Amino acid sequence: MKKVFKYQFEPDDYINFTLPRGAKILTVQEQLGILCLWALVDVGESMVESRSMRMAGTGHSIDDYGVDYRYINTIQLAGGSLVFHFFEVMK
């Protein structure tokens, strides 16, 4: 059975998550002032894996040579005065 789970996190350049193996990252949004990642997970999966996400503000460098990224989404905070772009770090 699959369900959507929410994972709260603190902002940082790199954020690490421990997710059930094979989880599909759906989106990142702010909810009630807290940053959250939503993922589709198989609730029967007992194995977990470490997943990393890159958070970069508009105009910030993300030139991590040799690292590939998969775009997740862009969010606006503080009434739109802060804009952040989220990427999953692909290994």
PDB file of N, CA and C in Angstrom:
ATOM      1  N   MET A   1       0.850  -1.176   0.000  1.00  0.00           N
ATOM      2  CA  MET A   1       0.000   0.000   0.000  1.00  0.00           C
ATOM      3  C   MET A   1       0.894   1.237   0.000  1.00  0.00           C
ATOM      4  N   LYS A   2       0.533   2.200  -0.817  1.00  0.00           N
ATOM      5  CA  LYS A   2       1.299   3.445  -0.879  1.00  0.00           C
ATOM      6  C   LYS A   2       0.497   4.567  -0.246  1.00  0.00           C
ATOM      7  N   LYS A   3       1.233   5.456   0.419  1.00  0.00           N
ATOM      8  CA  LYS A   3       0.632   6.626   1.057  1.00  0.00           C
ATOM      9  C   LYS A   3       1.576   7.809   0.875  1.00  0.00           C
ATOM     10  N   VAL A   4       1.024   9.002   0.973  1.00  0.00           N
ATOM     11  CA  VAL A   4       1.843  10.208   0.952  1.00  0.00           C
ATOM     12  C   VAL A   4       2.194  10.557   2.397  1.00  0.00           C
ATOM     13  N   PHE A   5       3.492  10.690   2.661  1.00  0.00           N
ATOM     14  CA  PHE A   5       3.983  11.071   3.982  1.00  0.00           C
ATOM     15  C   PHE A   5       4.629  12.448   3.894  1.00  0.00           C
ATOM     16  N   LYS A   6       4.609  13.150   5.022  1.00  0.00           N
ATOM     17  CA  LYS A   6       5.208  14.488   5.124  1.00  0.00           C
ATOM     18  C   LYS A   6       6.426  14.413   6.038  1.00  0.00           C
ATOM     19  N   TYR A   7       7.499  15.105   5.627  1.00  0.00           N
ATOM     20  CA  TYR A   7       8.748  15.165   6.397  1.00  0.00           C
ATOM     21  C   TYR A   7       9.117  16.631   6.579  1.00  0.00           C
ATOM     22  N   GLN A   8       9.175  17.084   7.829  1.00  0.00           N
ATOM     23  CA  GLN A   8       9.551  18.468   8.120  1.00  0.00           C
ATOM     24  C   GLN A   8      11.074  18.577   8.157  1.00  0.00           C
ATOM     25  N   PHE A   9      11.587  19.770   7.792  1.00  0.00           N
ATOM     26  CA  PHE A   9      13.034  19.963   7.819  1.00  0.00           C
ATOM     27  C   PHE A   9      13.382  21.428   8.021  1.00  0.00           C
ATOM     28  N   GLU A  10      14.603  21.659   8.444  1.00  0.00           N
ATOM     29  CA  GLU A  10      15.147  22.999   8.622  1.00  0.00           C
ATOM     30  C   GLU A  10      15.877  23.408   7.349  1.00  0.00           C
ATOM     31  N   PRO A  11      15.802  24.679   6.952  1.00  0.00           N
ATOM     32  CA  PRO A  11      16.485  25.109   5.731  1.00  0.00           C
ATOM     33  C   PRO A  11      18.002  25.007   5.869  1.00  0.00           C
ATOM     34  N   ASP A  12      18.642  24.580   4.789  1.00  0.00           N
ATOM     35  CA  ASP A  12      20.096  24.469   4.722  1.00  0.00           C
ATOM     36  C   ASP A  12      20.460  24.254   3.259  1.00  0.00           C
ATOM     37  N   ASP A  13      21.727  24.423   2.903  1.00  0.00           N
ATOM     38  CA  ASP A  13      22.146  24.202   1.522  1.00  0.00           C
ATOM     39  C   ASP A  13      21.896  22.759   1.097  1.00  0.00           C
ATOM     40  N   TYR A  14      22.195  21.813   1.996  1.00  0.00           N
ATOM     41  CA  TYR A  14      21.964  20.395   1.750  1.00  0.00           C
ATOM     42  C   TYR A  14      21.136  19.844   2.893  1.00  0.00           C
ATOM     43  N   ILE A  15      20.108  19.074   2.561  1.00  0.00           N
ATOM     44  CA  ILE A  15      19.241  18.472   3.565  1.00  0.00           C
ATOM     45  C   ILE A  15      19.207  16.976   3.285  1.00  0.00           C
ATOM     46  N   ASN A  16      19.425  16.179   4.324  1.00  0.00           N
ATOM     47  CA  ASN A  16      19.401  14.726   4.192  1.00  0.00           C
ATOM     48  C   ASN A  16      18.130  14.168   4.807  1.00  0.00           C
ATOM     49  N   PHE A  17      17.560  13.193   4.127  1.00  0.00           N
ATOM     50  CA  PHE A  17      16.350  12.521   4.580  1.00  0.00           C
ATOM     51  C   PHE A  17      16.599  11.020   4.612  1.00  0.00           C
ATOM     52  N   THR A  18      15.997  10.351   5.555  1.00  0.00           N
ATOM     53  CA  THR A  18      15.950   8.898   5.570  1.00  0.00           C
ATOM     54  C   THR A  18      14.526   8.520   5.183  1.00  0.00           C
ATOM     55  N   LEU A  19      14.391   7.961   3.991  1.00  0.00           N
ATOM     56  CA  LEU A  19      13.081   7.638   3.432  1.00  0.00           C
ATOM     57  C   LEU A  19      12.990   6.148   3.151  1.00  0.00           C
ATOM     58  N   PRO A  20      11.780   5.593   3.131  1.00  0.00           N
ATOM     59  CA  PRO A  20      11.635   4.205   2.708  1.00  0.00           C
ATOM     60  C   PRO A  20      12.208   4.034   1.296  1.00  0.00           C
ATOM     61  N   ARG A  21      12.856   2.908   1.072  1.00  0.00           N
ATOM     62  CA  ARG A  21      13.465   2.640  -0.237  1.00  0.00           C
ATOM     63  C   ARG A  21      12.426   2.795  -1.343  1.00  0.00           C
ATOM     64  N   GLY A  22      12.812   3.501  -2.403  1.00  0.00           N
ATOM     65  CA  GLY A  22      11.949   3.687  -3.549  1.00  0.00           C
ATOM     66  C   GLY A  22      10.932   4.810  -3.419  1.00  0.00           C
ATOM     67  N   ALA A  23      10.990   5.583  -2.336  1.00  0.00           N
ATOM     68  CA  ALA A  23      10.042   6.686  -2.155  1.00  0.00           C
ATOM     69  C   ALA A  23      10.171   7.674  -3.311  1.00  0.00           C
ATOM     70  N   LYS A  24       9.047   8.227  -3.719  1.00  0.00           N
ATOM     71  CA  LYS A  24       9.034   9.224  -4.795  1.00  0.00           C
ATOM     72  C   LYS A  24       8.792  10.597  -4.183  1.00  0.00           C
ATOM     73  N   ILE A  25       9.781  11.473  -4.301  1.00  0.00           N
ATOM     74  CA  ILE A  25       9.633  12.830  -3.782  1.00  0.00           C
ATOM     75  C   ILE A  25       8.651  13.572  -4.674  1.00  0.00           C
ATOM     76  N   LEU A  26       7.607  14.123  -4.068  1.00  0.00           N
ATOM     77  CA  LEU A  26       6.556  14.793  -4.820  1.00  0.00           C
ATOM     78  C   LEU A  26       6.743  16.300  -4.884  1.00  0.00           C
ATOM     79  N   THR A  27       6.977  16.932  -3.731  1.00  0.00           N
ATOM     80  CA  THR A  27       7.083  18.384  -3.693  1.00  0.00           C
ATOM     81  C   THR A  27       7.706  18.825  -2.382  1.00  0.00           C
ATOM     82  N   VAL A  28       8.102  20.080  -2.358  1.00  0.00           N
ATOM     83  CA  VAL A  28       8.526  20.771  -1.142  1.00  0.00           C
ATOM     84  C   VAL A  28       7.692  22.041  -1.067  1.00  0.00           C
ATOM     85  N   GLN A  29       7.149  22.318   0.107  1.00  0.00           N
ATOM     86  CA  GLN A  29       6.338  23.516   0.317  1.00  0.00           C
ATOM     87  C   GLN A  29       6.521  23.989   1.755  1.00  0.00           C
ATOM     88  N   GLU A  30       6.073  25.193   1.991  1.00  0.00           N
ATOM     89  CA  GLU A  30       5.989  25.720   3.353  1.00  0.00           C
ATOM     90  C   GLU A  30       4.572  25.468   3.851  1.00  0.00           C
ATOM     91  N   GLN A  31       4.470  24.925   5.065  1.00  0.00           N
ATOM     92  CA  GLN A  31       3.160  24.725   5.682  1.00  0.00           C
ATOM     93  C   GLN A  31       3.202  25.320   7.081  1.00  0.00           C
ATOM     94  N   LEU A  32       2.422  26.355   7.287  1.00  0.00           N
ATOM     95  CA  LEU A  32       2.349  27.025   8.593  1.00  0.00           C
ATOM     96  C   LEU A  32       3.732  27.446   9.093  1.00  0.00           C
ATOM     97  N   GLY A  33       4.556  27.964   8.164  1.00  0.00           N
ATOM     98  CA  GLY A  33       5.881  28.460   8.521  1.00  0.00           C
ATOM     99  C   GLY A  33       6.958  27.396   8.640  1.00  0.00           C
ATOM    100  N   ILE A  34       6.629  26.142   8.325  1.00  0.00           N
ATOM    101  CA  ILE A  34       7.584  25.036   8.426  1.00  0.00           C
ATOM    102  C   ILE A  34       7.809  24.469   7.032  1.00  0.00           C
ATOM    103  N   LEU A  35       9.087  24.236   6.675  1.00  0.00           N
ATOM    104  CA  LEU A  35       9.388  23.608   5.395  1.00  0.00           C
ATOM    105  C   LEU A  35       9.096  22.121   5.482  1.00  0.00           C
ATOM    106  N   CYS A  36       8.424  21.602   4.460  1.00  0.00           N
ATOM    107  CA  CYS A  36       8.024  20.189   4.450  1.00  0.00           C
ATOM    108  C   CYS A  36       8.282  19.587   3.079  1.00  0.00           C
ATOM    109  N   LEU A  37       8.657  18.327   3.087  1.00  0.00           N
ATOM    110  CA  LEU A  37       8.784  17.532   1.877  1.00  0.00           C
ATOM    111  C   LEU A  37       7.688  16.478   1.933  1.00  0.00           C
ATOM    112  N   TRP A  38       6.985  16.279   0.804  1.00  0.00           N
ATOM    113  CA  TRP A  38       5.989  15.224   0.706  1.00  0.00           C
ATOM    114  C   TRP A  38       6.514  14.175  -0.251  1.00  0.00           C
ATOM    115  N   ALA A  39       6.356  12.899   0.148  1.00  0.00           N
ATOM    116  CA  ALA A  39       6.837  11.793  -0.676  1.00  0.00           C
ATOM    117  C   ALA A  39       5.801  10.678  -0.694  1.00  0.00           C
ATOM    118  N   LEU A  40       5.708  10.004  -1.830  1.00  0.00           N
ATOM    119  CA  LEU A  40       4.862   8.831  -1.970  1.00  0.00           C
ATOM    120  C   LEU A  40       5.695   7.632  -1.557  1.00  0.00           C
ATOM    121  N   VAL A  41       5.262   6.928  -0.512  1.00  0.00           N
ATOM    122  CA  VAL A  41       6.044   5.820   0.027  1.00  0.00           C
ATOM    123  C   VAL A  41       5.207   4.545   0.062  1.00  0.00           C
ATOM    124  N   ASP A  42       5.891   3.437  -0.047  1.00  0.00           N
ATOM    125  CA  ASP A  42       5.278   2.128   0.128  1.00  0.00           C
ATOM    126  C   ASP A  42       5.362   1.811   1.617  1.00  0.00           C
ATOM    127  N   VAL A  43       4.218   1.790   2.303  1.00  0.00           N
ATOM    128  CA  VAL A  43       4.228   1.598   3.755  1.00  0.00           C
ATOM    129  C   VAL A  43       4.690   0.202   4.151  1.00  0.00           C
ATOM    130  N   GLY A  44       4.723  -0.736   3.214  1.00  0.00           N
ATOM    131  CA  GLY A  44       5.203  -2.086   3.504  1.00  0.00           C
ATOM    132  C   GLY A  44       6.703  -2.239   3.324  1.00  0.00           C
ATOM    133  N   GLU A  45       7.377  -1.188   2.872  1.00  0.00           N
ATOM    134  CA  GLU A  45       8.822  -1.252   2.625  1.00  0.00           C
ATOM    135  C   GLU A  45       9.573  -1.066   3.948  1.00  0.00           C
ATOM    136  N   SER A  46      10.323  -2.081   4.355  1.00  0.00           N
ATOM    137  CA  SER A  46      11.047  -1.991   5.629  1.00  0.00           C
ATOM    138  C   SER A  46      12.459  -1.420   5.476  1.00  0.00           C
ATOM    139  N   MET A  47      13.007  -1.455   4.261  1.00  0.00           N
ATOM    140  CA  MET A  47      14.344  -0.908   4.024  1.00  0.00           C
ATOM    141  C   MET A  47      14.251   0.607   3.831  1.00  0.00           C
ATOM    142  N   VAL A  48      15.260   1.315   4.298  1.00  0.00           N
ATOM    143  CA  VAL A  48      15.311   2.761   4.132  1.00  0.00           C
ATOM    144  C   VAL A  48      16.567   3.131   3.354  1.00  0.00           C
ATOM    145  N   GLU A  49      16.558   4.352   2.828  1.00  0.00           N
ATOM    146  CA  GLU A  49      17.720   4.858   2.107  1.00  0.00           C
ATOM    147  C   GLU A  49      17.894   6.331   2.422  1.00  0.00           C
ATOM    148  N   SER A  50      19.132   6.781   2.349  1.00  0.00           N
ATOM    149  CA  SER A  50      19.439   8.187   2.575  1.00  0.00           C
ATOM    150  C   SER A  50      19.281   8.925   1.255  1.00  0.00           C
ATOM    151  N   ARG A  51      18.568  10.034   1.295  1.00  0.00           N
ATOM    152  CA  ARG A  51      18.361  10.868   0.115  1.00  0.00           C
ATOM    153  C   ARG A  51      18.754  12.289   0.484  1.00  0.00           C
ATOM    154  N   SER A  52      19.373  12.990  -0.450  1.00  0.00           N
ATOM    155  CA  SER A  52      19.832  14.350  -0.204  1.00  0.00           C
ATOM    156  C   SER A  52      19.140  15.315  -1.151  1.00  0.00           C
ATOM    157  N   MET A  53      18.921  16.518  -0.636  1.00  0.00           N
ATOM    158  CA  MET A  53      18.284  17.560  -1.413  1.00  0.00           C
ATOM    159  C   MET A  53      19.153  18.815  -1.333  1.00  0.00           C
ATOM    160  N   ARG A  54      19.242  19.540  -2.429  1.00  0.00           N
ATOM    161  CA  ARG A  54      19.981  20.802  -2.503  1.00  0.00           C
ATOM    162  C   ARG A  54      18.967  21.934  -2.513  1.00  0.00           C
ATOM    163  N   MET A  55      19.155  22.893  -1.618  1.00  0.00           N
ATOM    164  CA  MET A  55      18.296  24.076  -1.522  1.00  0.00           C
ATOM    165  C   MET A  55      19.147  25.276  -1.922  1.00  0.00           C
ATOM    166  N   ALA A  56      18.734  25.979  -2.975  1.00  0.00           N
ATOM    167  CA  ALA A  56      19.528  27.102  -3.462  1.00  0.00           C
ATOM    168  C   ALA A  56      18.628  28.295  -3.729  1.00  0.00           C
ATOM    169  N   GLY A  57      19.046  29.443  -3.240  1.00  0.00           N
ATOM    170  CA  GLY A  57      18.322  30.669  -3.518  1.00  0.00           C
ATOM    171  C   GLY A  57      18.581  31.125  -4.940  1.00  0.00           C
ATOM    172  N   THR A  58      17.682  31.926  -5.479  1.00  0.00           N
ATOM    173  CA  THR A  58      17.873  32.470  -6.813  1.00  0.00           C
ATOM    174  C   THR A  58      19.201  33.231  -6.862  1.00  0.00           C
ATOM    175  N   GLY A  59      20.005  32.916  -7.853  1.00  0.00           N
ATOM    176  CA  GLY A  59      21.303  33.556  -8.017  1.00  0.00           C
ATOM    177  C   GLY A  59      22.432  32.893  -7.265  1.00  0.00           C
ATOM    178  N   HIS A  60      22.132  31.921  -6.403  1.00  0.00           N
ATOM    179  CA  HIS A  60      23.177  31.213  -5.652  1.00  0.00           C
ATOM    180  C   HIS A  60      23.819  30.157  -6.550  1.00  0.00           C
ATOM    181  N   SER A  61      25.093  29.922  -6.356  1.00  0.00           N
ATOM    182  CA  SER A  61      25.825  28.936  -7.140  1.00  0.00           C
ATOM    183  C   SER A  61      25.422  27.519  -6.728  1.00  0.00           C
ATOM    184  N   ILE A  62      25.224  26.679  -7.720  1.00  0.00           N
ATOM    185  CA  ILE A  62      25.020  25.253  -7.447  1.00  0.00           C
ATOM    186  C   ILE A  62      25.987  24.445  -8.305  1.00  0.00           C
ATOM    187  N   ASP A  63      27.146  25.005  -8.556  1.00  0.00           N
ATOM    188  CA  ASP A  63      28.174  24.342  -9.354  1.00  0.00           C
ATOM    189  C   ASP A  63      28.936  23.344  -8.502  1.00  0.00           C
ATOM    190  N   ASP A  64      28.328  22.217  -8.238  1.00  0.00           N
ATOM    191  CA  ASP A  64      28.989  21.122  -7.535  1.00  0.00           C
ATOM    192  C   ASP A  64      29.437  20.153  -8.619  1.00  0.00           C
ATOM    193  N   TYR A  65      30.665  20.287  -9.036  1.00  0.00           N
ATOM    194  CA  TYR A  65      31.168  19.549 -10.188  1.00  0.00           C
ATOM    195  C   TYR A  65      31.046  18.047  -9.987  1.00  0.00           C
ATOM    196  N   GLY A  66      30.521  17.390 -11.014  1.00  0.00           N
ATOM    197  CA  GLY A  66      30.369  15.946 -10.976  1.00  0.00           C
ATOM    198  C   GLY A  66      29.097  15.472 -10.293  1.00  0.00           C
ATOM    199  N   VAL A  67      28.250  16.406  -9.841  1.00  0.00           N
ATOM    200  CA  VAL A  67      27.002  16.048  -9.172  1.00  0.00           C
ATOM    201  C   VAL A  67      25.841  16.357 -10.106  1.00  0.00           C
ATOM    202  N   ASP A  68      24.941  15.408 -10.225  1.00  0.00           N
ATOM    203  CA  ASP A  68      23.738  15.616 -11.026  1.00  0.00           C
ATOM    204  C   ASP A  68      22.569  15.905 -10.097  1.00  0.00           C
ATOM    205  N   TYR A  69      21.646  16.718 -10.585  1.00  0.00           N
ATOM    206  CA  TYR A  69      20.484  17.100  -9.796  1.00  0.00           C
ATOM    207  C   TYR A  69      19.210  16.832 -10.570  1.00  0.00           C
ATOM    208  N   ARG A  70      18.142  16.526  -9.835  1.00  0.00           N
ATOM    209  CA  ARG A  70      16.803  16.417 -10.408  1.00  0.00           C
ATOM    210  C   ARG A  70      15.958  17.502  -9.761  1.00  0.00           C
ATOM    211  N   TYR A  71      15.428  18.395 -10.566  1.00  0.00           N
ATOM    212  CA  TYR A  71      14.619  19.504 -10.060  1.00  0.00           C
ATOM    213  C   TYR A  71      13.356  18.977  -9.387  1.00  0.00           C
ATOM    214  N   ILE A  72      13.053  19.521  -8.198  1.00  0.00           N
ATOM    215  CA  ILE A  72      11.821  19.177  -7.488  1.00  0.00           C
ATOM    216  C   ILE A  72      10.812  20.297  -7.657  1.00  0.00           C
ATOM    217  N   ASN A  73      11.107  21.483  -7.140  1.00  0.00           N
ATOM    218  CA  ASN A  73      10.239  22.642  -7.346  1.00  0.00           C
ATOM    219  C   ASN A  73      10.857  23.896  -6.748  1.00  0.00           C
ATOM    220  N   THR A  74      10.141  25.000  -6.896  1.00  0.00           N
ATOM    221  CA  THR A  74      10.555  26.311  -6.399  1.00  0.00           C
ATOM    222  C   THR A  74       9.483  26.812  -5.452  1.00  0.00           C
ATOM    223  N   ILE A  75       9.918  27.401  -4.338  1.00  0.00           N
ATOM    224  CA  ILE A  75       8.954  27.967  -3.388  1.00  0.00           C
ATOM    225  C   ILE A  75       9.341  29.404  -3.061  1.00  0.00           C
ATOM    226  N   GLN A  76       8.355  30.161  -2.626  1.00  0.00           N
ATOM    227  CA  GLN A  76       8.565  31.541  -2.203  1.00  0.00           C
ATOM    228  C   GLN A  76       8.217  31.643  -0.725  1.00  0.00           C
ATOM    229  N   LEU A  77       9.096  32.301   0.024  1.00  0.00           N
ATOM    230  CA  LEU A  77       8.899  32.519   1.453  1.00  0.00           C
ATOM    231  C   LEU A  77       8.872  34.012   1.736  1.00  0.00           C
ATOM    232  N   ALA A  78       8.440  34.369   2.919  1.00  0.00           N
ATOM    233  CA  ALA A  78       8.424  35.768   3.368  1.00  0.00           C
ATOM    234  C   ALA A  78       7.701  36.658   2.361  1.00  0.00           C
ATOM    235  N   GLY A  79       6.502  36.222   1.977  1.00  0.00           N
ATOM    236  CA  GLY A  79       5.698  37.020   1.063  1.00  0.00           C
ATOM    237  C   GLY A  79       6.290  37.160  -0.324  1.00  0.00           C
ATOM    238  N   GLY A  80       7.151  36.228  -0.707  1.00  0.00           N
ATOM    239  CA  GLY A  80       7.750  36.255  -2.036  1.00  0.00           C
ATOM    240  C   GLY A  80       9.103  36.935  -2.086  1.00  0.00           C
ATOM    241  N   SER A  81       9.581  37.464  -0.962  1.00  0.00           N
ATOM    242  CA  SER A  81      10.878  38.140  -0.984  1.00  0.00           C
ATOM    243  C   SER A  81      12.054  37.161  -0.972  1.00  0.00           C
ATOM    244  N   LEU A  82      11.809  35.914  -0.605  1.00  0.00           N
ATOM    245  CA  LEU A  82      12.832  34.870  -0.655  1.00  0.00           C
ATOM    246  C   LEU A  82      12.330  33.765  -1.575  1.00  0.00           C
ATOM    247  N   VAL A  83      13.163  33.395  -2.550  1.00  0.00           N
ATOM    248  CA  VAL A  83      12.792  32.347  -3.493  1.00  0.00           C
ATOM    249  C   VAL A  83      13.864  31.270  -3.445  1.00  0.00           C
ATOM    250  N   PHE A  84      13.431  30.016  -3.228  1.00  0.00           N
ATOM    251  CA  PHE A  84      14.358  28.890  -3.133  1.00  0.00           C
ATOM    252  C   PHE A  84      13.966  27.814  -4.126  1.00  0.00           C
ATOM    253  N   HIS A  85      14.987  27.164  -4.664  1.00  0.00           N
ATOM    254  CA  HIS A  85      14.828  26.113  -5.660  1.00  0.00           C
ATOM    255  C   HIS A  85      15.360  24.825  -5.047  1.00  0.00           C
ATOM    256  N   PHE A  86      14.605  23.750  -5.192  1.00  0.00           N
ATOM    257  CA  PHE A  86      14.960  22.469  -4.576  1.00  0.00           C
ATOM    258  C   PHE A  86      15.264  21.438  -5.646  1.00  0.00           C
ATOM    259  N   PHE A  87      16.374  20.712  -5.424  1.00  0.00           N
ATOM    260  CA  PHE A  87      16.843  19.684  -6.328  1.00  0.00           C
ATOM    261  C   PHE A  87      17.205  18.444  -5.514  1.00  0.00           C
ATOM    262  N   GLU A  88      16.866  17.270  -6.039  1.00  0.00           N
ATOM    263  CA  GLU A  88      17.355  16.056  -5.402  1.00  0.00           C
ATOM    264  C   GLU A  88      18.753  15.790  -5.935  1.00  0.00           C
ATOM    265  N   VAL A  89      19.676  15.461  -5.044  1.00  0.00           N
ATOM    266  CA  VAL A  89      21.036  15.123  -5.424  1.00  0.00           C
ATOM    267  C   VAL A  89      21.022  13.684  -5.918  1.00  0.00           C
ATOM    268  N   MET A  90      21.403  13.508  -7.173  1.00  0.00           N
ATOM    269  CA  MET A  90      21.436  12.164  -7.769  1.00  0.00           C
ATOM    270  C   MET A  90      22.864  11.631  -7.651  1.00  0.00           C
ATOM    271  N   LYS A  91      22.975  10.386  -7.288  1.00  0.00           N
ATOM    272  CA  LYS A  91      24.324   9.805  -7.092  1.00  0.00           C
ATOM    273  C   LYS A  91      24.798   9.069  -8.302  1.00  0.00           C
TER     274      LYS A  91
END
